[in-house]
Structures are given as structure tokens and as C-alpha cells.
Amino acid sequence: MSGNPRAIAARILASLLREHRPLDQLLKDKSVTALDHRDQAFVQELCYGVARWYFRLEFLLGKLLNKAPREKDLEIKTLLLCGMYQIEFLRTPAHAAVSASVDAVQTLGRDWARGTVNAVLRRYLRERVPLQEKLSNDIMTHAHPGWLLDLLREDWPDKWEQIAAGNNERPPLHLRVNRLRIARTDYLRTLEEMGIAAHSMAWNDCGIALAAPVDVAALPGFQEGLVSVQDCGAQFAAGLLDAQPGERVLDACAAPGGKAGHILESQPQLQELIAVEHNPMRVKLLRQTLDRLGLSATVIHADVSDTAAWWDGEQFDRILLDVPCSATGVIRRHPDIKLSGRLETLPLLLKTQRQILGSIWPLLKRKGKLVYSTCSILRRENDDQIAAHLQQHPDAAVVPVDAEWGCATVHGRQTLPGFDEMDGFYYAILEKQNAGA
């Protein structure tokens, strides 16, 4: 395929809509990686931007078309959405966005659509103001799928609009300083000397927020393990786990290794940290993370719920269980979740979460603690799962999360997108007691 970035973005987005694969995977296509750095960045901007605002842009496009595009012409639809995104959200001159989109039609092999693309985008330029007025009275102004908005309203009746607005923000770049190697104040000073504006995050002693995102290669000491990229909301896991010297710790579903690295940085005198990951490609990422940080753990490639295949029979003092989830708390980082997520997939996720928690529970020592974590903001994946586990396991008890960050839930604590600069994470702490205690 020709190296036309708009045509490439249109095809990537069409693949997202057809295949529901993550954008970060689709953007590894050779058609993208063969571009120069500037064009790669532009393709990524178009893809993530259209995904972020898809439901809003699609609503507006529907007002401009006499009939919906055919499935085989999906690339023309996504090309139009790219053009509208440039006009609405980027600084691309309107005439350039229109003419470049028309030129991309030929690259897509749809010459017949040149007139359509030209006419629709020019009509959008003329009618933007009245169209936006219609949008302001429509639920699509939130740019979310209806099923997700319904769940947000149900779970967070007083906060759902701010959550939706938070999901539509560009994500901040948060760092976690490796305090084994450098103090946060010293790293902030280094950033200041390099002209990188940043400030410390509240609630812990290692979090930093950058005023504007930068390439990780530009971060001082990144390759040497002085710092990691990790949302501040994810940085609470290690503190809640509170691992002590000499303890044996399990990090279940451990890739890409951010939380495992933080546990080892927070408590370097563990007996052992075992990190289990099922996905072979993510096992590679996990090892790379630990290597970069200069940390050591026992990495096991296995299905963590199939304990007979990997567990040696020695119980753990601490377990971090970061279960697979809907990822509805990290939509601002992965806006394609709005398009790839499906309400009908939730029951299988819930079953998987219950299965993993039930399988892992026998591996915890008496008086040991398990931190249950998700990057979801849906209560059925969070408090409801803990409630079900408590009902089925009389030896399980909730340890209250004593913290000022986020908001308290029935069994744990939740951070929310759109609040306090953080993504959405849920944490609950379970302690194993004597049966019937």
C-alpha cells in the first residue's frame, strides 16, 4: 500500500471496527512502521482521535449522509471520520483536510468516492454550527457507546458525566521513580534541569506527573531503570500489598511488570517474588521490564488459575491479583475500548475473574493478604466479585483500605477517570482467617 497516512489510518480504523483488535496491535502493521516518524505519529493521532470521539463523529456523519455506507465501503466512512476529526480537533487548515482526504480516496482504490468525500466534508464545514447544536441535545455528545453509558449511570449516578468527560481527555504521563536508585526530589530536579515541567503526585513518595507527555527515550535514566511509566492510580497496588522482609509474594497476571517492579522496589528483602503470566508475548514484556529495572523475580509462563501446572505447594504471604477486566478505567489511554468492548463479553469476564480468585485463594497463608485489583470502574467486576467471594469463603475477611485517594466503596476503594488526574482502578484487600473466625 502507498504511504498515504490518511489512507493508512482509514484502513487501520476499518480493521478496528471489523476485527475489534486493539489499536496498539493494529498500529504495528508494516504499512505504519514503514512510514517516517512524523507520518507514524500522524496516523496514530488520527486513529486514537477518531476512536476517542467515534460515537460523536459518527452521529454527525449520519446527519450528512443520505444513507449509511456499505460494509465493503467502510474505509470511506473511516476516511470521512478522519477528515472530520482533523477539522474539529486538530489545527489542520480546513481546505487541506478536505483536499488531502480526497487524495487519499485514490490510494484506497475507491476513485468513485472522490466526489462523495469532497461533498460531505465541505458540507460539514458549512453546517458545523447547527450540527453541533443538535449534538448538544443528544446523548452522543459524550462519545460513548450506549451500553457503557447505561452502566456508568447505574454504577455512578452522581459522577457518570464527569467520568465520561474524563474518558475523553488525552491521558497524562505519570512516572514512578525507582526509590532504590534515586529520590523523587532528585529526579524532579533532573527533569527541571532538562526543561521538562513536572510535579510530584500526592498520596505516595514516588509518583510524578509531567506537564506534557514526552517520548520515554527523552526521560533521563529511563533505560537505566531510574524511572518507569505508570499511572498514579496503578501505583497504589504495592503499598496496599505491604510486603514485608522475608515474605513470599505472588504477582498473578503480572505482565507487563509495572506492579511487580514496584513491589520489588518497595521491598527488596523479599524471600521471593513469583510473577505468573499466561500470554507468551506479555511474558517477554514482563522480563524486559524487570531487566530494565535491574530486578529479579521468578517468572512463570502459565495460566495462573491452573495452579496444578505451576504451583510448588508452598503458600504465599502476599498475593497481588490483578485480574483480566473490561479496562473501562483506562479508556482515555485506550479509546479503542469504546469500539472493541461489548456488553455481551462481560459475563465471560466475570466468570474468569471468579475462577481466578477462587483458584488462587488456597495459595494464601493464614493471616496472609490478597489484594484484588482491576482497571475497571464497573461494580460487577469489583465490589460484586468481592461480595461473592466472601459469601463462598468463610475464611475470607475484608481489610478496609484506609486512604484519602479515590472514593470508598462497600469493600474497597476506587479511583475514577476525570478525578485527581488518575485513571480508574479498583482495590480490595482480603485477609485469610481461620475458618469460621
Protein backbone atom coordinates (compact mmCIF):
# COMPACT_ATOMS: atom_id res chain seq x y z
CA MET A 1 0.00 0.00 0.00
CA SER A 2 1.12 3.53 -0.74
CA GLY A 3 2.44 5.57 2.19
CA ASN A 4 -0.53 7.94 2.35
CA PRO A 5 -1.03 8.40 6.13
CA ARG A 6 -4.73 9.30 5.88
CA ALA A 7 -5.49 6.24 3.77
CA ILE A 8 -3.49 4.07 6.18
CA ALA A 9 -5.37 5.50 9.16
CA ALA A 10 -8.69 4.84 7.42
CA ARG A 11 -7.73 1.20 6.85
CA ILE A 12 -6.49 0.73 10.40
CA LEU A 13 -9.75 2.13 11.77
CA ALA A 14 -11.79 -0.06 9.42
CA SER A 15 -9.87 -3.08 10.72
CA LEU A 16 -10.62 -1.99 14.28
CA LEU A 17 -14.34 -1.84 13.52
CA ARG A 18 -14.33 -5.21 11.74
CA GLU A 19 -11.94 -7.21 13.91
CA HIS A 20 -12.17 -5.48 17.33
CA ARG A 21 -8.42 -5.87 17.79
CA PRO A 22 -6.57 -3.34 20.00
CA LEU A 23 -5.25 -0.28 18.21
CA ASP A 24 -1.76 -0.75 19.61
CA GLN A 25 -1.64 -4.09 17.77
CA LEU A 26 -3.09 -2.74 14.53
CA LEU A 27 -0.62 0.14 14.51
CA LYS A 28 2.25 -2.36 14.33
CA ASP A 29 1.22 -3.12 10.73
CA LYS A 30 4.03 -2.75 8.18
CA SER A 31 2.08 -0.03 6.38
CA VAL A 32 2.52 2.08 9.52
CA THR A 33 6.02 1.10 10.61
CA ALA A 34 7.36 1.79 7.09
CA LEU A 35 6.42 5.47 7.43
CA ASP A 36 8.81 8.10 8.74
CA HIS A 37 8.44 9.13 12.40
CA ARG A 38 6.32 12.19 11.64
CA ASP A 39 3.80 10.28 9.49
CA GLN A 40 3.64 7.43 12.01
CA ALA A 41 2.74 9.95 14.69
CA PHE A 42 0.07 11.46 12.43
CA VAL A 43 -1.51 8.05 11.73
CA GLN A 44 -1.54 7.32 15.45
CA GLU A 45 -3.11 10.71 16.19
CA LEU A 46 -5.87 10.11 13.64
CA CYS A 47 -6.59 6.57 14.85
CA TYR A 48 -6.66 7.36 18.55
CA GLY A 49 -8.50 10.64 17.99
CA VAL A 50 -11.25 9.10 15.85
CA ALA A 51 -11.59 6.20 18.31
CA ARG A 52 -11.89 8.67 21.21
CA TRP A 53 -14.62 10.68 19.51
CA TYR A 54 -16.06 7.96 17.24
CA PHE A 55 -19.65 7.94 18.51
CA ARG A 56 -19.86 11.72 18.36
CA LEU A 57 -18.31 11.94 14.89
CA GLU A 58 -20.42 9.06 13.58
CA PHE A 59 -23.57 10.78 14.82
CA LEU A 60 -22.60 13.94 12.94
CA LEU A 61 -21.66 11.98 9.82
CA GLY A 62 -25.08 10.36 9.86
CA LYS A 63 -26.63 13.82 9.53
CA LEU A 64 -24.50 14.49 6.43
CA LEU A 65 -25.18 11.27 4.51
CA ASN A 66 -28.35 10.23 2.75
CA LYS A 67 -27.68 6.58 3.59
CA ALA A 68 -25.12 4.65 5.61
CA PRO A 69 -22.03 3.40 3.72
CA ARG A 70 -22.00 -0.26 2.74
CA GLU A 71 -19.83 -2.64 4.74
CA LYS A 72 -17.43 -3.04 1.82
CA ASP A 73 -17.01 0.75 1.77
CA LEU A 74 -16.14 1.01 5.47
CA GLU A 75 -12.77 2.59 4.60
CA ILE A 76 -14.60 5.53 3.03
CA LYS A 77 -16.60 6.01 6.21
CA THR A 78 -13.46 5.96 8.37
CA LEU A 79 -11.69 8.31 5.95
CA LEU A 80 -14.58 10.77 6.33
CA LEU A 81 -14.34 10.44 10.11
CA CYS A 82 -10.60 11.18 9.88
CA GLY A 83 -11.32 14.29 7.84
CA MET A 84 -13.96 15.47 10.31
CA TYR A 85 -11.62 14.81 13.22
CA GLN A 86 -8.93 16.97 11.63
CA ILE A 87 -11.41 19.79 11.05
CA GLU A 88 -12.93 19.57 14.53
CA PHE A 89 -9.97 18.76 16.80
CA LEU A 90 -6.67 19.43 15.00
CA ARG A 91 -5.13 22.57 13.64
CA THR A 92 -5.22 21.26 10.09
CA PRO A 93 -6.48 24.03 7.77
CA ALA A 94 -9.97 23.09 6.61
CA HIS A 95 -9.13 23.20 2.88
CA ALA A 96 -6.08 20.99 3.46
CA ALA A 97 -8.10 18.42 5.42
CA VAL A 98 -10.65 18.22 2.60
CA SER A 99 -8.22 18.06 -0.32
CA ALA A 100 -5.89 15.57 1.40
CA SER A 101 -8.84 13.33 2.26
CA VAL A 102 -9.98 13.41 -1.38
CA ASP A 103 -6.46 12.48 -2.48
CA ALA A 104 -6.47 9.52 -0.08
CA VAL A 105 -9.51 8.07 -1.85
CA GLN A 106 -7.34 7.06 -4.82
CA THR A 107 -4.87 5.30 -2.52
CA LEU A 108 -7.78 3.31 -1.11
CA GLY A 109 -8.76 2.27 -4.64
CA ARG A 110 -12.17 3.94 -4.43
CA ASP A 111 -11.96 6.61 -7.14
CA TRP A 112 -15.75 6.67 -7.42
CA ALA A 113 -15.89 8.16 -3.89
CA ARG A 114 -13.80 11.27 -4.57
CA GLY A 115 -16.86 13.41 -5.19
CA THR A 116 -18.67 11.99 -2.15
CA VAL A 117 -15.76 12.66 0.22
CA ASN A 118 -15.33 16.19 -1.16
CA ALA A 119 -19.04 16.99 -0.90
CA VAL A 120 -19.56 15.54 2.58
CA LEU A 121 -16.56 17.29 4.15
CA ARG A 122 -17.41 20.62 2.51
CA ARG A 123 -20.98 20.30 3.75
CA TYR A 124 -19.61 19.60 7.23
CA LEU A 125 -17.61 22.83 7.05
CA ARG A 126 -20.74 24.76 6.13
CA GLU A 127 -23.07 23.14 8.68
CA ARG A 128 -20.80 22.56 11.68
CA VAL A 129 -22.50 25.10 13.94
CA PRO A 130 -26.12 23.88 13.56
CA LEU A 131 -24.92 20.28 13.70
CA GLN A 132 -23.12 20.95 16.97
CA GLU A 133 -26.32 22.46 18.37
CA LYS A 134 -28.15 19.23 17.56
CA LEU A 135 -25.34 17.30 19.19
CA SER A 136 -25.57 19.29 22.41
CA ASN A 137 -29.06 17.91 22.93
CA ASP A 138 -28.10 14.32 22.16
CA ILE A 139 -26.51 11.68 24.36
CA MET A 140 -23.82 11.19 21.70
CA THR A 141 -22.16 14.36 22.92
CA HIS A 142 -20.50 12.05 25.48
CA ALA A 143 -18.93 9.97 22.68
CA HIS A 144 -19.55 6.62 24.38
CA PRO A 145 -21.46 3.51 23.31
CA GLY A 146 -24.94 3.40 24.81
CA TRP A 147 -24.38 0.19 26.79
CA LEU A 148 -21.38 1.71 28.57
CA LEU A 149 -23.17 4.95 29.41
CA ASP A 150 -26.04 2.90 30.84
CA LEU A 151 -23.63 1.04 33.15
CA LEU A 152 -21.88 4.25 34.21
CA ARG A 153 -25.22 5.86 35.08
CA GLU A 154 -26.23 2.77 37.02
CA ASP A 155 -22.98 2.46 38.99
CA TRP A 156 -22.08 6.15 39.36
CA PRO A 157 -25.34 8.17 39.21
CA ASP A 158 -23.71 11.31 40.59
CA LYS A 159 -20.41 11.01 38.74
CA TRP A 160 -21.08 9.40 35.37
CA GLU A 161 -20.90 12.60 33.32
CA GLN A 162 -17.54 13.58 34.81
CA ILE A 163 -16.27 10.04 34.26
CA ALA A 164 -17.35 10.18 30.60
CA ALA A 165 -15.65 13.57 30.21
CA GLY A 166 -12.51 12.15 31.84
CA ASN A 167 -12.52 9.22 29.42
CA ASN A 168 -12.44 11.69 26.53
CA GLU A 169 -9.38 13.56 27.81
CA ARG A 170 -5.91 12.98 26.45
CA PRO A 171 -4.08 10.89 29.05
CA PRO A 172 -1.40 12.48 31.22
CA LEU A 173 2.04 10.90 31.54
CA HIS A 174 2.76 9.69 35.06
CA LEU A 175 6.08 8.31 36.24
CA ARG A 176 7.13 6.10 39.14
CA VAL A 177 10.57 6.85 40.50
CA ASN A 178 12.66 3.81 41.49
CA ARG A 179 13.42 4.85 45.05
CA LEU A 180 16.07 2.11 45.32
CA ARG A 181 18.08 4.21 42.89
CA ILE A 182 17.06 7.85 43.30
CA ALA A 183 14.86 10.08 45.47
CA ARG A 184 11.82 11.70 43.87
CA THR A 185 13.11 15.19 44.73
CA ASP A 186 16.39 14.46 42.95
CA TYR A 187 14.63 13.15 39.85
CA LEU A 188 12.34 16.18 39.76
CA ARG A 189 15.43 18.38 39.90
CA THR A 190 16.93 16.48 36.97
CA LEU A 191 13.74 16.97 34.96
CA GLU A 192 13.77 20.68 35.74
CA GLU A 193 17.38 20.98 34.56
CA MET A 194 16.34 19.35 31.27
CA GLY A 195 13.44 21.75 30.84
CA ILE A 196 10.78 19.08 31.43
CA ALA A 197 7.98 20.53 33.59
CA ALA A 198 6.67 18.11 36.21
CA HIS A 199 5.25 17.94 39.70
CA SER A 200 5.05 15.31 42.42
CA MET A 201 1.81 13.40 42.87
CA ALA A 202 0.05 13.30 46.21
CA TRP A 203 -0.58 10.14 48.22
CA ASN A 204 2.77 8.41 47.66
CA ASP A 205 6.50 9.11 47.64
CA CYS A 206 7.34 8.01 44.09
CA GLY A 207 4.72 9.42 41.68
CA ILE A 208 5.41 12.25 39.23
CA ALA A 209 3.12 13.87 36.66
CA LEU A 210 4.59 15.56 33.58
CA ALA A 211 3.02 18.79 32.38
CA ALA A 212 3.15 17.44 28.81
CA PRO A 213 3.91 13.93 27.52
CA VAL A 214 7.40 13.21 26.18
CA ASP A 215 8.96 10.27 24.42
CA VAL A 216 10.21 7.79 27.03
CA ALA A 217 13.59 7.90 25.30
CA ALA A 218 13.84 11.52 26.44
CA LEU A 219 13.33 10.64 30.10
CA PRO A 220 16.63 10.81 32.00
CA GLY A 221 17.69 7.39 33.27
CA PHE A 222 14.73 5.51 31.80
CA GLN A 223 16.82 2.81 30.14
CA GLU A 224 18.93 2.57 33.30
CA GLY A 225 15.84 1.83 35.41
CA LEU A 226 15.63 5.08 37.38
CA VAL A 227 12.00 5.60 36.44
CA SER A 228 9.01 3.79 34.96
CA VAL A 229 5.88 4.99 33.16
CA GLN A 230 2.89 4.10 35.34
CA ASP A 231 -0.38 5.87 36.10
CA CYS A 232 -0.52 7.09 39.68
CA GLY A 233 -3.68 5.04 40.25
CA ALA A 234 -1.74 1.87 39.47
CA GLN A 235 0.99 2.86 41.92
CA PHE A 236 -1.22 2.13 44.95
CA ALA A 237 -1.01 -1.64 44.50
CA ALA A 238 2.44 -2.12 46.05
CA GLY A 239 1.61 -0.02 49.11
CA LEU A 240 -1.66 -1.85 49.72
CA LEU A 241 0.13 -5.20 49.41
CA ASP A 242 2.55 -4.03 52.11
CA ALA A 243 5.02 -6.89 51.60
CA GLN A 244 7.45 -7.43 54.47
CA PRO A 245 11.07 -8.66 54.54
CA GLY A 246 11.38 -12.42 54.12
CA GLU A 247 7.89 -12.88 52.69
CA ARG A 248 6.95 -14.94 49.65
CA VAL A 249 4.85 -12.91 47.21
CA LEU A 250 2.79 -13.89 44.17
CA ASP A 251 2.02 -11.40 41.40
CA ALA A 252 -0.71 -13.12 39.39
CA CYS A 253 -1.43 -11.94 35.80
CA ALA A 254 1.81 -9.98 36.15
CA ALA A 255 2.61 -8.54 32.70
CA PRO A 256 3.79 -6.05 31.64
CA GLY A 257 5.54 -5.93 35.01
CA GLY A 258 4.90 -2.44 36.34
CA LYS A 259 3.36 -3.61 39.60
CA ALA A 260 5.91 -6.43 40.03
CA GLY A 261 8.72 -3.92 39.62
CA HIS A 262 7.12 -1.58 42.15
CA ILE A 263 6.73 -4.39 44.72
CA LEU A 264 10.43 -5.24 44.40
CA GLU A 265 11.43 -1.57 44.57
CA SER A 266 9.28 -1.10 47.69
CA GLN A 267 10.54 -4.23 49.46
CA PRO A 268 13.92 -5.51 48.19
CA GLN A 269 14.26 -8.05 51.02
CA LEU A 270 11.56 -10.50 49.94
CA GLN A 271 12.20 -14.20 50.13
CA GLU A 272 10.85 -14.47 46.58
CA LEU A 273 8.52 -12.80 44.12
CA ILE A 274 6.83 -15.18 41.69
CA ALA A 275 5.29 -13.47 38.66
CA VAL A 276 2.89 -15.55 36.57
CA GLU A 277 1.67 -14.58 33.10
CA HIS A 278 -0.27 -16.64 30.54
CA ASN A 279 0.31 -14.65 27.33
CA PRO A 280 3.74 -15.54 25.85
CA MET A 281 4.25 -12.10 24.27
CA ARG A 282 3.43 -10.43 27.57
CA VAL A 283 5.85 -12.76 29.37
CA LYS A 284 8.53 -11.24 27.15
CA LEU A 285 7.42 -7.72 28.17
CA LEU A 286 7.48 -8.75 31.83
CA ARG A 287 11.06 -10.00 31.57
CA GLN A 288 12.12 -6.85 29.70
CA THR A 289 10.61 -4.65 32.43
CA LEU A 290 12.42 -6.50 35.20
CA ASP A 291 15.69 -6.49 33.25
CA ARG A 292 15.48 -2.74 32.63
CA LEU A 293 14.88 -2.11 36.31
CA GLY A 294 17.69 -4.48 37.32
CA LEU A 295 15.29 -6.53 39.46
CA SER A 296 14.98 -10.28 39.94
CA ALA A 297 11.83 -12.40 40.12
CA THR A 298 10.79 -15.94 39.28
CA VAL A 299 8.82 -15.52 36.04
CA ILE A 300 6.46 -18.38 35.14
CA HIS A 301 4.64 -18.74 31.84
CA ALA A 302 1.36 -20.39 32.82
CA ASP A 303 -2.38 -19.99 33.28
CA VAL A 304 -2.43 -18.71 36.86
CA SER A 305 -5.79 -20.39 37.57
CA ASP A 306 -4.33 -23.81 36.65
CA THR A 307 -2.36 -23.96 39.87
CA ALA A 308 -1.54 -27.67 39.49
CA ALA A 309 0.57 -26.82 36.43
CA TRP A 310 2.91 -24.32 38.13
CA TRP A 311 2.49 -24.08 41.92
CA ASP A 312 5.08 -25.84 44.09
CA GLY A 313 2.76 -26.22 47.09
CA GLU A 314 4.35 -23.52 49.28
CA GLN A 315 1.79 -20.90 50.23
CA PHE A 316 2.27 -17.14 49.86
CA ASP A 317 2.29 -14.40 52.48
CA ARG A 318 1.02 -11.83 49.98
CA ILE A 319 -0.79 -12.13 46.66
CA LEU A 320 -1.48 -9.38 44.14
CA LEU A 321 -4.32 -10.47 41.89
CA ASP A 322 -4.72 -8.03 39.02
CA VAL A 323 -7.43 -9.89 37.10
CA PRO A 324 -8.37 -9.54 33.42
CA CYS A 325 -11.17 -6.98 33.16
CA SER A 326 -13.14 -4.68 30.86
CA ALA A 327 -10.43 -1.97 31.21
CA THR A 328 -13.18 0.64 31.45
CA GLY A 329 -10.97 2.63 33.83
CA VAL A 330 -8.25 3.25 31.24
CA ILE A 331 -10.33 4.31 28.25
CA ARG A 332 -8.55 7.65 27.97
CA ARG A 333 -5.33 5.70 27.27
CA HIS A 334 -7.06 3.11 25.10
CA PRO A 335 -10.08 4.81 23.50
CA ASP A 336 -10.49 1.86 21.13
CA ILE A 337 -12.06 0.04 24.11
CA LYS A 338 -15.21 2.03 23.30
CA LEU A 339 -15.31 0.25 19.94
CA SER A 340 -13.91 -3.20 20.79
CA GLY A 341 -15.71 -3.59 24.14
CA ARG A 342 -19.03 -5.39 24.12
CA LEU A 343 -21.70 -5.80 26.79
CA GLU A 344 -22.07 -9.47 25.82
CA THR A 345 -18.42 -10.18 26.71
CA LEU A 346 -18.88 -9.11 30.35
CA PRO A 347 -20.39 -12.40 31.61
CA LEU A 348 -17.34 -14.35 30.41
CA LEU A 349 -15.01 -11.81 32.06
CA LEU A 350 -16.93 -12.07 35.32
CA LYS A 351 -16.71 -15.87 35.20
CA THR A 352 -12.96 -15.69 34.56
CA GLN A 353 -12.44 -13.28 37.46
CA ARG A 354 -14.37 -15.53 39.86
CA GLN A 355 -12.48 -18.59 38.63
CA ILE A 356 -9.05 -16.99 39.09
CA LEU A 357 -9.89 -15.61 42.55
CA GLY A 358 -11.28 -18.95 43.66
CA SER A 359 -8.29 -20.85 42.29
CA ILE A 360 -5.72 -18.55 43.88
CA TRP A 361 -7.32 -18.28 47.32
CA PRO A 362 -5.98 -21.68 48.60
CA LEU A 363 -2.43 -20.47 47.82
CA LEU A 364 -2.63 -17.77 50.51
CA LYS A 365 -1.34 -18.48 54.02
CA ARG A 366 -3.47 -17.99 57.12
CA LYS A 367 -3.22 -14.32 58.12
CA GLY A 368 -1.91 -13.62 54.62
CA LYS A 369 -3.30 -10.81 52.50
CA LEU A 370 -4.55 -10.75 48.92
CA VAL A 371 -5.01 -7.51 47.03
CA TYR A 372 -7.70 -7.83 44.35
CA SER A 373 -7.24 -5.24 41.61
CA THR A 374 -8.82 -4.23 38.31
CA CYS A 375 -8.59 -1.31 35.91
CA SER A 376 -12.38 -1.36 35.68
CA ILE A 377 -14.90 1.09 37.09
CA LEU A 378 -17.82 -1.35 36.86
CA ARG A 379 -19.07 -2.58 40.21
CA ARG A 380 -19.98 -6.02 38.90
CA GLU A 381 -16.24 -6.61 38.31
CA ASN A 382 -15.22 -5.09 41.63
CA ASP A 383 -17.33 -4.95 44.80
CA ASP A 384 -19.75 -7.58 43.49
CA GLN A 385 -16.91 -10.06 42.95
CA ILE A 386 -15.59 -9.48 46.46
CA ALA A 387 -19.08 -9.90 47.92
CA ALA A 388 -19.49 -13.22 46.10
CA HIS A 389 -16.09 -14.42 47.30
CA LEU A 390 -16.89 -13.53 50.92
CA GLN A 391 -20.13 -15.46 50.69
CA GLN A 392 -18.40 -18.56 49.32
CA HIS A 393 -15.31 -18.45 51.57
CA PRO A 394 -15.99 -18.05 55.29
CA ASP A 395 -12.23 -17.76 55.92
CA ALA A 396 -12.06 -14.52 53.90
CA ALA A 397 -12.38 -11.11 55.54
CA VAL A 398 -12.11 -7.60 54.10
CA VAL A 399 -9.34 -5.35 55.38
CA PRO A 400 -10.56 -1.74 54.99
CA VAL A 401 -8.48 0.41 52.65
CA ASP A 402 -7.51 3.35 54.85
CA ALA A 403 -6.70 6.06 52.30
CA GLU A 404 -7.63 9.56 51.19
CA TRP A 405 -7.28 8.93 47.45
CA GLY A 406 -10.20 7.86 45.31
CA CYS A 407 -13.56 7.05 46.85
CA ALA A 408 -14.63 4.39 49.29
CA THR A 409 -16.79 1.50 48.07
CA VAL A 410 -18.53 -1.19 50.09
CA HIS A 411 -15.47 -3.48 50.12
CA GLY A 412 -12.58 -1.45 48.73
CA ARG A 413 -11.54 1.78 47.13
CA GLN A 414 -11.91 3.15 43.60
CA THR A 415 -10.11 5.81 41.59
CA LEU A 416 -12.05 7.29 38.69
CA PRO A 417 -11.05 8.89 35.38
CA GLY A 418 -11.75 12.59 35.49
CA PHE A 419 -10.88 12.84 39.18
CA ASP A 420 -7.48 13.68 40.72
CA GLU A 421 -5.57 13.20 37.44
CA MET A 422 -5.77 9.40 37.68
CA ASP A 423 -7.14 6.51 35.64
CA GLY A 424 -9.79 4.20 37.09
CA PHE A 425 -8.52 1.42 39.38
CA TYR A 426 -10.25 -0.71 41.99
CA TYR A 427 -8.57 -2.27 45.02
CA ALA A 428 -9.85 -4.53 47.77
CA ILE A 429 -7.77 -6.27 50.44
CA LEU A 430 -8.74 -9.75 51.67
CA GLU A 431 -7.18 -11.47 54.67
CA LYS A 432 -7.36 -15.22 55.21
CA GLN A 433 -8.59 -16.07 58.66
CA ASN A 434 -9.28 -19.31 60.46
CA ALA A 435 -12.44 -20.90 59.07
CA GLY A 436 -15.45 -19.58 60.92
CA ALA A 437 -13.45 -16.78 62.59
